[in-house]
Amino acid sequence: MPPLNTPQPLEVPSILVIGCGALAQELLDVVKRNSLDNIRVECLPAILHNSPDKIPAAVRAKLESADNYDKVFVAYGDCGTGGRLDAVLEEFGVERLEGAHCYAFFAGQDQFEEIQNEELGSLYLTDYLARHFDRLIWRGLGLDRWPELLDDYFSHYKRVVYLAQTDDH
């Protein structure tokens, strides 16, 4: 038997973070910069935001295959699921990041609410969306095939709010 004052090795829990593809770079950076080798990040396609009703089922599928982890977290806001994502997470006893949208992660919850309250007709643009605008917005919403939908999608917006994901601009 080892002496009582011998430090015992700590068991490090294995953690899975299921995230939105639009947050992948930030999630991976946090893990890498902090040498969190016990954390695995698996992201779902960001284009799911164009069909938020599909997000809960996609997260469910990931959760159902996550039985080899001690803890699972979800890096999504509600993101337009109308509480359906939270219902899935409750079934599995899993927590998600706070907030109605992923955008709140970049602005901070309090500042995001201020921005929203200041102008409800705000279109949010992040570095990720700017880089992938053609794939996610233009083609993703079908505007390349039906440009007449442009007004249907965007006429109610009054301003664009740019939320930088990096400080290199």
N, C-alpha and C. Protein backbone atom coordinates (compact mmCIF):
# COMPACT_ATOMS: atom_id res chain seq x y z
N MET A 1 0.85 -1.18 0.00
CA MET A 1 0.00 0.00 0.00
C MET A 1 0.89 1.24 0.00
N PRO A 2 0.62 2.23 -0.92
CA PRO A 2 1.45 3.44 -0.97
C PRO A 2 1.21 4.30 0.27
N PRO A 3 2.21 5.10 0.63
CA PRO A 3 2.03 6.01 1.77
C PRO A 3 0.85 6.95 1.50
N LEU A 4 0.23 7.43 2.56
CA LEU A 4 -0.95 8.29 2.45
C LEU A 4 -0.69 9.60 1.72
N ASN A 5 0.52 10.11 1.79
CA ASN A 5 0.81 11.41 1.18
C ASN A 5 1.25 11.29 -0.28
N THR A 6 1.21 10.11 -0.87
CA THR A 6 1.57 9.94 -2.28
C THR A 6 0.40 10.39 -3.15
N PRO A 7 0.66 11.37 -4.02
CA PRO A 7 -0.44 11.83 -4.87
C PRO A 7 -0.90 10.71 -5.81
N GLN A 8 -2.19 10.57 -5.91
CA GLN A 8 -2.78 9.58 -6.80
C GLN A 8 -3.06 10.25 -8.14
N PRO A 9 -2.84 9.52 -9.21
CA PRO A 9 -3.14 10.13 -10.52
C PRO A 9 -4.62 10.45 -10.63
N LEU A 10 -4.89 11.62 -11.18
CA LEU A 10 -6.28 12.03 -11.39
C LEU A 10 -6.83 11.36 -12.63
N GLU A 11 -8.05 10.88 -12.53
CA GLU A 11 -8.72 10.36 -13.71
C GLU A 11 -9.34 11.52 -14.44
N VAL A 12 -8.95 11.68 -15.68
CA VAL A 12 -9.45 12.77 -16.49
C VAL A 12 -10.65 12.24 -17.28
N PRO A 13 -11.80 12.88 -17.13
CA PRO A 13 -12.99 12.39 -17.84
C PRO A 13 -12.87 12.60 -19.35
N SER A 14 -13.41 11.67 -20.09
CA SER A 14 -13.47 11.85 -21.55
C SER A 14 -14.73 12.66 -21.85
N ILE A 15 -14.55 13.69 -22.66
CA ILE A 15 -15.64 14.64 -22.93
C ILE A 15 -15.82 14.77 -24.44
N LEU A 16 -17.07 14.76 -24.84
CA LEU A 16 -17.44 15.01 -26.22
C LEU A 16 -18.19 16.33 -26.29
N VAL A 17 -17.79 17.18 -27.22
CA VAL A 17 -18.51 18.41 -27.49
C VAL A 17 -19.10 18.28 -28.88
N ILE A 18 -20.42 18.31 -28.95
CA ILE A 18 -21.12 18.27 -30.23
C ILE A 18 -21.44 19.72 -30.57
N GLY A 19 -20.88 20.20 -31.66
CA GLY A 19 -21.03 21.61 -31.96
C GLY A 19 -21.53 21.89 -33.36
N CYS A 20 -21.89 23.12 -33.55
CA CYS A 20 -22.27 23.64 -34.85
C CYS A 20 -21.00 23.84 -35.67
N GLY A 21 -21.05 23.47 -36.93
CA GLY A 21 -19.90 23.64 -37.80
C GLY A 21 -19.41 25.07 -37.90
N ALA A 22 -20.30 26.04 -37.70
CA ALA A 22 -19.90 27.45 -37.74
C ALA A 22 -19.03 27.82 -36.54
N LEU A 23 -19.02 26.97 -35.51
CA LEU A 23 -18.21 27.22 -34.31
C LEU A 23 -17.00 26.30 -34.24
N ALA A 24 -16.81 25.46 -35.23
CA ALA A 24 -15.77 24.43 -35.18
C ALA A 24 -14.39 25.00 -34.89
N GLN A 25 -14.00 26.04 -35.62
CA GLN A 25 -12.65 26.58 -35.44
C GLN A 25 -12.42 27.08 -34.02
N GLU A 26 -13.41 27.77 -33.47
CA GLU A 26 -13.27 28.29 -32.11
C GLU A 26 -13.22 27.15 -31.09
N LEU A 27 -14.05 26.16 -31.27
CA LEU A 27 -14.05 25.02 -30.34
C LEU A 27 -12.72 24.29 -30.39
N LEU A 28 -12.23 24.03 -31.59
CA LEU A 28 -10.95 23.34 -31.73
C LEU A 28 -9.79 24.16 -31.18
N ASP A 29 -9.85 25.47 -31.36
CA ASP A 29 -8.80 26.34 -30.82
C ASP A 29 -8.75 26.29 -29.30
N VAL A 30 -9.91 26.31 -28.66
CA VAL A 30 -9.96 26.24 -27.19
C VAL A 30 -9.33 24.94 -26.71
N VAL A 31 -9.68 23.84 -27.35
CA VAL A 31 -9.14 22.53 -26.96
C VAL A 31 -7.63 22.51 -27.15
N LYS A 32 -7.17 22.97 -28.31
CA LYS A 32 -5.73 22.94 -28.61
C LYS A 32 -4.93 23.87 -27.71
N ARG A 33 -5.38 25.10 -27.56
CA ARG A 33 -4.63 26.09 -26.77
C ARG A 33 -4.53 25.71 -25.29
N ASN A 34 -5.47 24.93 -24.83
CA ASN A 34 -5.47 24.54 -23.42
C ASN A 34 -5.04 23.09 -23.21
N SER A 35 -4.53 22.46 -24.27
CA SER A 35 -4.06 21.07 -24.21
C SER A 35 -5.10 20.15 -23.57
N LEU A 36 -6.32 20.28 -23.99
CA LEU A 36 -7.42 19.48 -23.44
C LEU A 36 -7.57 18.21 -24.26
N ASP A 37 -6.60 17.33 -24.11
CA ASP A 37 -6.56 16.11 -24.92
C ASP A 37 -7.70 15.15 -24.62
N ASN A 38 -8.38 15.36 -23.53
CA ASN A 38 -9.51 14.50 -23.16
C ASN A 38 -10.82 14.93 -23.82
N ILE A 39 -10.77 16.03 -24.57
CA ILE A 39 -11.99 16.56 -25.20
C ILE A 39 -11.94 16.31 -26.70
N ARG A 40 -13.01 15.70 -27.18
CA ARG A 40 -13.17 15.49 -28.63
C ARG A 40 -14.30 16.42 -29.10
N VAL A 41 -14.07 17.08 -30.21
CA VAL A 41 -15.06 17.98 -30.79
C VAL A 41 -15.57 17.34 -32.08
N GLU A 42 -16.88 17.19 -32.17
CA GLU A 42 -17.52 16.70 -33.40
C GLU A 42 -18.58 17.72 -33.79
N CYS A 43 -18.46 18.22 -34.99
CA CYS A 43 -19.39 19.27 -35.43
C CYS A 43 -20.32 18.78 -36.53
N LEU A 44 -21.51 19.29 -36.45
CA LEU A 44 -22.53 19.05 -37.47
C LEU A 44 -22.43 20.14 -38.52
N PRO A 45 -22.91 19.89 -39.73
CA PRO A 45 -22.81 20.91 -40.79
C PRO A 45 -23.54 22.20 -40.43
N ALA A 46 -22.87 23.31 -40.67
CA ALA A 46 -23.45 24.63 -40.37
C ALA A 46 -24.70 24.89 -41.20
N ILE A 47 -24.81 24.27 -42.33
CA ILE A 47 -25.97 24.50 -43.20
C ILE A 47 -27.27 24.03 -42.56
N LEU A 48 -27.19 23.28 -41.47
CA LEU A 48 -28.40 22.89 -40.74
C LEU A 48 -29.18 24.11 -40.28
N HIS A 49 -28.51 25.25 -40.13
CA HIS A 49 -29.21 26.47 -39.73
C HIS A 49 -30.24 26.91 -40.76
N ASN A 50 -30.06 26.48 -42.01
CA ASN A 50 -31.05 26.81 -43.03
C ASN A 50 -32.32 25.99 -42.87
N SER A 51 -32.25 24.91 -42.10
CA SER A 51 -33.40 24.05 -41.80
C SER A 51 -33.34 23.67 -40.32
N PRO A 52 -33.58 24.64 -39.44
CA PRO A 52 -33.39 24.39 -38.00
C PRO A 52 -34.20 23.23 -37.45
N ASP A 53 -35.27 22.85 -38.14
CA ASP A 53 -36.06 21.71 -37.69
C ASP A 53 -35.26 20.41 -37.76
N LYS A 54 -34.16 20.40 -38.51
CA LYS A 54 -33.31 19.21 -38.63
C LYS A 54 -32.23 19.13 -37.55
N ILE A 55 -31.98 20.22 -36.85
CA ILE A 55 -30.92 20.25 -35.83
C ILE A 55 -31.19 19.26 -34.70
N PRO A 56 -32.38 19.21 -34.10
CA PRO A 56 -32.60 18.27 -33.00
C PRO A 56 -32.32 16.81 -33.38
N ALA A 57 -32.77 16.38 -34.55
CA ALA A 57 -32.55 14.99 -34.97
C ALA A 57 -31.07 14.71 -35.21
N ALA A 58 -30.36 15.68 -35.77
CA ALA A 58 -28.93 15.51 -36.02
C ALA A 58 -28.16 15.42 -34.70
N VAL A 59 -28.53 16.25 -33.75
CA VAL A 59 -27.88 16.19 -32.42
C VAL A 59 -28.24 14.88 -31.75
N ARG A 60 -29.49 14.46 -31.84
CA ARG A 60 -29.92 13.19 -31.26
C ARG A 60 -29.06 12.04 -31.79
N ALA A 61 -28.84 11.99 -33.09
CA ALA A 61 -28.05 10.92 -33.69
C ALA A 61 -26.63 10.90 -33.10
N LYS A 62 -26.05 12.07 -32.91
CA LYS A 62 -24.71 12.15 -32.30
C LYS A 62 -24.76 11.67 -30.85
N LEU A 63 -25.78 12.08 -30.12
CA LEU A 63 -25.90 11.68 -28.71
C LEU A 63 -26.08 10.17 -28.58
N GLU A 64 -26.83 9.58 -29.48
CA GLU A 64 -27.07 8.14 -29.41
C GLU A 64 -25.80 7.33 -29.64
N SER A 65 -24.83 7.93 -30.31
CA SER A 65 -23.57 7.22 -30.56
C SER A 65 -22.44 7.68 -29.64
N ALA A 66 -22.79 8.42 -28.60
CA ALA A 66 -21.78 9.01 -27.71
C ALA A 66 -21.62 8.24 -26.40
N ASP A 67 -21.79 6.92 -26.44
CA ASP A 67 -21.78 6.16 -25.19
C ASP A 67 -20.39 5.91 -24.61
N ASN A 68 -19.34 6.28 -25.30
CA ASN A 68 -17.98 6.06 -24.78
C ASN A 68 -17.41 7.27 -24.05
N TYR A 69 -18.25 8.24 -23.72
CA TYR A 69 -17.78 9.46 -23.08
C TYR A 69 -18.36 9.59 -21.68
N ASP A 70 -17.55 10.17 -20.80
CA ASP A 70 -18.03 10.41 -19.43
C ASP A 70 -19.01 11.58 -19.38
N LYS A 71 -18.81 12.55 -20.26
CA LYS A 71 -19.64 13.75 -20.26
C LYS A 71 -19.79 14.24 -21.70
N VAL A 72 -20.96 14.77 -22.01
CA VAL A 72 -21.21 15.33 -23.34
C VAL A 72 -21.80 16.73 -23.16
N PHE A 73 -21.33 17.67 -23.97
CA PHE A 73 -21.87 19.02 -24.01
C PHE A 73 -22.27 19.33 -25.45
N VAL A 74 -23.20 20.25 -25.62
CA VAL A 74 -23.62 20.66 -26.95
C VAL A 74 -23.33 22.14 -27.12
N ALA A 75 -22.60 22.47 -28.18
CA ALA A 75 -22.22 23.85 -28.48
C ALA A 75 -23.14 24.38 -29.59
N TYR A 76 -24.37 24.61 -29.21
CA TYR A 76 -25.41 25.20 -30.06
C TYR A 76 -26.21 26.14 -29.19
N GLY A 77 -26.78 27.17 -29.81
CA GLY A 77 -27.85 27.91 -29.18
C GLY A 77 -29.13 27.16 -29.53
N ASP A 78 -30.26 27.75 -29.26
CA ASP A 78 -31.50 27.13 -29.71
C ASP A 78 -31.54 27.13 -31.24
N CYS A 79 -31.00 28.17 -31.83
CA CYS A 79 -30.79 28.26 -33.29
C CYS A 79 -32.04 27.99 -34.11
N GLY A 80 -33.17 28.48 -33.63
CA GLY A 80 -34.39 28.39 -34.40
C GLY A 80 -35.15 27.08 -34.25
N THR A 81 -34.78 26.26 -33.28
CA THR A 81 -35.47 24.97 -33.11
C THR A 81 -36.75 25.11 -32.29
N GLY A 82 -37.01 26.27 -31.76
CA GLY A 82 -38.24 26.48 -30.98
C GLY A 82 -38.32 25.61 -29.74
N GLY A 83 -37.17 25.33 -29.13
CA GLY A 83 -37.15 24.52 -27.91
C GLY A 83 -37.04 23.03 -28.16
N ARG A 84 -37.12 22.61 -29.43
CA ARG A 84 -37.04 21.17 -29.72
C ARG A 84 -35.65 20.61 -29.43
N LEU A 85 -34.61 21.41 -29.61
CA LEU A 85 -33.26 20.95 -29.26
C LEU A 85 -33.17 20.72 -27.76
N ASP A 86 -33.71 21.64 -26.98
CA ASP A 86 -33.67 21.48 -25.52
C ASP A 86 -34.42 20.23 -25.07
N ALA A 87 -35.51 19.89 -25.75
CA ALA A 87 -36.26 18.68 -25.40
C ALA A 87 -35.40 17.44 -25.61
N VAL A 88 -34.65 17.40 -26.70
CA VAL A 88 -33.74 16.27 -26.96
C VAL A 88 -32.66 16.22 -25.89
N LEU A 89 -32.08 17.35 -25.60
CA LEU A 89 -30.99 17.39 -24.62
C LEU A 89 -31.46 16.96 -23.24
N GLU A 90 -32.68 17.33 -22.88
CA GLU A 90 -33.25 16.94 -21.60
C GLU A 90 -33.36 15.41 -21.51
N GLU A 91 -33.76 14.78 -22.59
CA GLU A 91 -33.86 13.31 -22.61
C GLU A 91 -32.53 12.65 -22.27
N PHE A 92 -31.44 13.24 -22.73
CA PHE A 92 -30.12 12.67 -22.55
C PHE A 92 -29.38 13.25 -21.34
N GLY A 93 -29.97 14.23 -20.68
CA GLY A 93 -29.30 14.87 -19.54
C GLY A 93 -28.07 15.65 -19.95
N VAL A 94 -28.15 16.31 -21.10
CA VAL A 94 -27.02 17.04 -21.66
C VAL A 94 -27.32 18.53 -21.65
N GLU A 95 -26.29 19.32 -21.39
CA GLU A 95 -26.42 20.78 -21.39
C GLU A 95 -25.92 21.36 -22.70
N ARG A 96 -26.43 22.54 -23.03
CA ARG A 96 -25.93 23.28 -24.19
C ARG A 96 -25.51 24.67 -23.74
N LEU A 97 -24.83 25.37 -24.62
CA LEU A 97 -24.48 26.74 -24.34
C LEU A 97 -25.75 27.58 -24.27
N GLU A 98 -25.72 28.57 -23.43
CA GLU A 98 -26.89 29.42 -23.24
C GLU A 98 -27.10 30.31 -24.46
N GLY A 99 -28.35 30.58 -24.75
CA GLY A 99 -28.64 31.57 -25.78
C GLY A 99 -29.56 31.07 -26.86
N ALA A 100 -30.20 32.03 -27.49
CA ALA A 100 -31.13 31.72 -28.57
C ALA A 100 -30.40 31.41 -29.87
N HIS A 101 -29.23 31.99 -30.05
CA HIS A 101 -28.49 31.83 -31.30
C HIS A 101 -27.01 31.67 -31.03
N CYS A 102 -26.33 31.05 -31.97
CA CYS A 102 -24.87 30.95 -31.89
C CYS A 102 -24.22 32.33 -31.84
N TYR A 103 -24.90 33.31 -32.43
CA TYR A 103 -24.34 34.66 -32.45
C TYR A 103 -24.08 35.20 -31.05
N ALA A 104 -24.87 34.76 -30.11
CA ALA A 104 -24.69 35.23 -28.74
C ALA A 104 -23.35 34.79 -28.17
N PHE A 105 -22.77 33.72 -28.70
CA PHE A 105 -21.47 33.25 -28.22
C PHE A 105 -20.39 34.26 -28.54
N PHE A 106 -20.51 34.93 -29.68
CA PHE A 106 -19.49 35.88 -30.10
C PHE A 106 -19.68 37.25 -29.46
N ALA A 107 -20.91 37.66 -29.31
CA ALA A 107 -21.19 38.97 -28.74
C ALA A 107 -21.21 38.92 -27.21
N GLY A 108 -21.50 37.77 -26.65
CA GLY A 108 -21.79 37.66 -25.22
C GLY A 108 -23.29 37.79 -25.06
N GLN A 109 -23.86 37.00 -24.16
CA GLN A 109 -25.31 36.94 -24.03
C GLN A 109 -25.94 38.31 -23.76
N ASP A 110 -25.38 39.06 -22.82
CA ASP A 110 -25.96 40.36 -22.48
C ASP A 110 -25.88 41.34 -23.65
N GLN A 111 -24.71 41.41 -24.30
CA GLN A 111 -24.56 42.34 -25.41
C GLN A 111 -25.44 41.92 -26.59
N PHE A 112 -25.56 40.61 -26.82
CA PHE A 112 -26.42 40.14 -27.90
C PHE A 112 -27.86 40.58 -27.66
N GLU A 113 -28.33 40.44 -26.44
CA GLU A 113 -29.71 40.86 -26.12
C GLU A 113 -29.88 42.36 -26.34
N GLU A 114 -28.86 43.15 -25.98
CA GLU A 114 -28.92 44.60 -26.22
C GLU A 114 -29.02 44.90 -27.72
N ILE A 115 -28.19 44.22 -28.52
CA ILE A 115 -28.21 44.41 -29.97
C ILE A 115 -29.58 44.05 -30.53
N GLN A 116 -30.11 42.92 -30.07
CA GLN A 116 -31.43 42.46 -30.53
C GLN A 116 -32.52 43.47 -30.16
N ASN A 117 -32.50 43.92 -28.94
CA ASN A 117 -33.53 44.85 -28.48
C ASN A 117 -33.41 46.20 -29.18
N GLU A 118 -32.20 46.58 -29.53
CA GLU A 118 -31.97 47.85 -30.22
C GLU A 118 -32.59 47.85 -31.62
N GLU A 119 -32.46 46.73 -32.32
CA GLU A 119 -33.02 46.61 -33.67
C GLU A 119 -33.31 45.15 -33.96
N LEU A 120 -34.60 44.79 -33.87
CA LEU A 120 -34.99 43.41 -34.11
C LEU A 120 -34.69 42.97 -35.54
N GLY A 121 -34.66 43.90 -36.48
CA GLY A 121 -34.38 43.58 -37.87
C GLY A 121 -32.89 43.58 -38.17
N SER A 122 -32.11 42.85 -37.38
CA SER A 122 -30.66 42.79 -37.57
C SER A 122 -30.27 41.48 -38.24
N LEU A 123 -29.48 41.58 -39.28
CA LEU A 123 -28.90 40.42 -39.93
C LEU A 123 -27.49 40.27 -39.37
N TYR A 124 -27.18 39.12 -38.86
CA TYR A 124 -25.87 38.88 -38.24
C TYR A 124 -24.94 38.23 -39.24
N LEU A 125 -23.74 38.74 -39.30
CA LEU A 125 -22.71 38.22 -40.19
C LEU A 125 -21.46 37.96 -39.37
N THR A 126 -20.94 36.74 -39.46
CA THR A 126 -19.70 36.37 -38.78
C THR A 126 -18.63 36.11 -39.84
N ASP A 127 -17.40 35.93 -39.40
CA ASP A 127 -16.32 35.58 -40.32
C ASP A 127 -16.69 34.31 -41.09
N TYR A 128 -17.22 33.34 -40.38
CA TYR A 128 -17.59 32.07 -41.01
C TYR A 128 -18.64 32.29 -42.10
N LEU A 129 -19.68 33.04 -41.79
CA LEU A 129 -20.72 33.30 -42.79
C LEU A 129 -20.18 34.10 -43.98
N ALA A 130 -19.29 35.04 -43.71
CA ALA A 130 -18.72 35.83 -44.81
C ALA A 130 -17.88 34.93 -45.72
N ARG A 131 -17.08 34.03 -45.13
CA ARG A 131 -16.25 33.13 -45.93
C ARG A 131 -17.09 32.13 -46.73
N HIS A 132 -18.21 31.71 -46.19
CA HIS A 132 -19.03 30.67 -46.82
C HIS A 132 -20.39 31.20 -47.29
N PHE A 133 -20.46 32.49 -47.54
CA PHE A 133 -21.73 33.12 -47.91
C PHE A 133 -22.35 32.46 -49.15
N ASP A 134 -21.54 32.21 -50.16
CA ASP A 134 -22.07 31.65 -51.39
C ASP A 134 -22.70 30.27 -51.14
N ARG A 135 -21.99 29.42 -50.41
CA ARG A 135 -22.48 28.06 -50.17
C ARG A 135 -23.66 28.03 -49.20
N LEU A 136 -23.56 28.78 -48.10
CA LEU A 136 -24.59 28.71 -47.05
C LEU A 136 -25.81 29.58 -47.33
N ILE A 137 -25.59 30.76 -47.88
CA ILE A 137 -26.69 31.70 -48.07
C ILE A 137 -27.16 31.68 -49.53
N TRP A 138 -26.27 32.04 -50.44
CA TRP A 138 -26.69 32.20 -51.83
C TRP A 138 -27.23 30.88 -52.40
N ARG A 139 -26.39 29.83 -52.38
CA ARG A 139 -26.85 28.54 -52.89
C ARG A 139 -27.69 27.81 -51.85
N GLY A 140 -27.32 27.93 -50.57
CA GLY A 140 -28.02 27.23 -49.50
C GLY A 140 -29.48 27.59 -49.38
N LEU A 141 -29.81 28.83 -49.66
CA LEU A 141 -31.21 29.27 -49.62
C LEU A 141 -31.86 29.25 -51.01
N GLY A 142 -31.11 28.80 -52.00
CA GLY A 142 -31.66 28.69 -53.36
C GLY A 142 -31.69 29.98 -54.14
N LEU A 143 -30.99 31.01 -53.67
CA LEU A 143 -31.03 32.30 -54.36
C LEU A 143 -30.33 32.25 -55.71
N ASP A 144 -29.43 31.30 -55.90
CA ASP A 144 -28.79 31.13 -57.20
C ASP A 144 -29.79 30.65 -58.25
N ARG A 145 -30.80 29.93 -57.81
CA ARG A 145 -31.82 29.39 -58.72
C ARG A 145 -33.07 30.26 -58.76
N TRP A 146 -33.39 30.89 -57.65
CA TRP A 146 -34.60 31.71 -57.55
C TRP A 146 -34.27 33.07 -56.93
N PRO A 147 -33.57 33.93 -57.66
CA PRO A 147 -33.17 35.23 -57.10
C PRO A 147 -34.35 36.09 -56.68
N GLU A 148 -35.54 35.79 -57.21
CA GLU A 148 -36.72 36.56 -56.82
C GLU A 148 -37.06 36.37 -55.34
N LEU A 149 -36.46 35.36 -54.68
CA LEU A 149 -36.69 35.14 -53.25
C LEU A 149 -35.88 36.10 -52.37
N LEU A 150 -34.97 36.83 -52.97
CA LEU A 150 -34.10 37.74 -52.21
C LEU A 150 -34.90 38.65 -51.28
N ASP A 151 -35.91 39.28 -51.80
CA ASP A 151 -36.73 40.17 -50.97
C ASP A 151 -37.50 39.40 -49.90
N ASP A 152 -37.98 38.21 -50.23
CA ASP A 152 -38.70 37.39 -49.24
C ASP A 152 -37.80 37.08 -48.04
N TYR A 153 -36.55 36.79 -48.31
CA TYR A 153 -35.62 36.44 -47.23
C TYR A 153 -35.10 37.65 -46.46
N PHE A 154 -34.83 38.75 -47.17
CA PHE A 154 -34.04 39.82 -46.56
C PHE A 154 -34.72 41.18 -46.44
N SER A 155 -35.93 41.36 -46.91
CA SER A 155 -36.54 42.69 -46.91
C SER A 155 -36.83 43.22 -45.51
N HIS A 156 -36.98 42.35 -44.54
CA HIS A 156 -37.31 42.83 -43.18
C HIS A 156 -36.07 43.24 -42.38
N TYR A 157 -34.88 42.99 -42.91
CA TYR A 157 -33.67 43.39 -42.20
C TYR A 157 -33.41 44.87 -42.39
N LYS A 158 -33.01 45.53 -41.31
CA LYS A 158 -32.74 46.97 -41.34
C LYS A 158 -31.25 47.28 -41.26
N ARG A 159 -30.48 46.31 -40.76
CA ARG A 159 -29.04 46.55 -40.64
C ARG A 159 -28.31 45.21 -40.59
N VAL A 160 -26.99 45.29 -40.83
CA VAL A 160 -26.12 44.13 -40.71
C VAL A 160 -25.23 44.36 -39.50
N VAL A 161 -25.16 43.35 -38.64
CA VAL A 161 -24.28 43.41 -37.48
C VAL A 161 -23.16 42.40 -37.70
N TYR A 162 -21.93 42.90 -37.79
CA TYR A 162 -20.78 42.04 -38.00
C TYR A 162 -20.22 41.62 -36.64
N LEU A 163 -20.19 40.33 -36.39
CA LEU A 163 -19.63 39.78 -35.16
C LEU A 163 -18.34 39.06 -35.51
N ALA A 164 -17.21 39.70 -35.23
CA ALA A 164 -15.91 39.13 -35.59
C ALA A 164 -15.62 37.90 -34.73
N GLN A 165 -15.15 36.85 -35.38
CA GLN A 165 -14.76 35.64 -34.67
C GLN A 165 -13.25 35.68 -34.37
N THR A 166 -12.54 36.54 -35.05
CA THR A 166 -11.11 36.70 -34.82
C THR A 166 -10.82 38.19 -34.69
N ASP A 167 -9.64 38.50 -34.21
CA ASP A 167 -9.27 39.92 -34.07
C ASP A 167 -8.24 40.34 -35.12
N ASP A 168 -8.22 39.67 -36.27
CA ASP A 168 -7.24 39.96 -37.30
C ASP A 168 -7.76 40.83 -38.44
N HIS A 169 -8.83 41.57 -38.19
CA HIS A 169 -9.40 42.40 -39.26
C HIS A 169 -9.03 43.84 -39.10
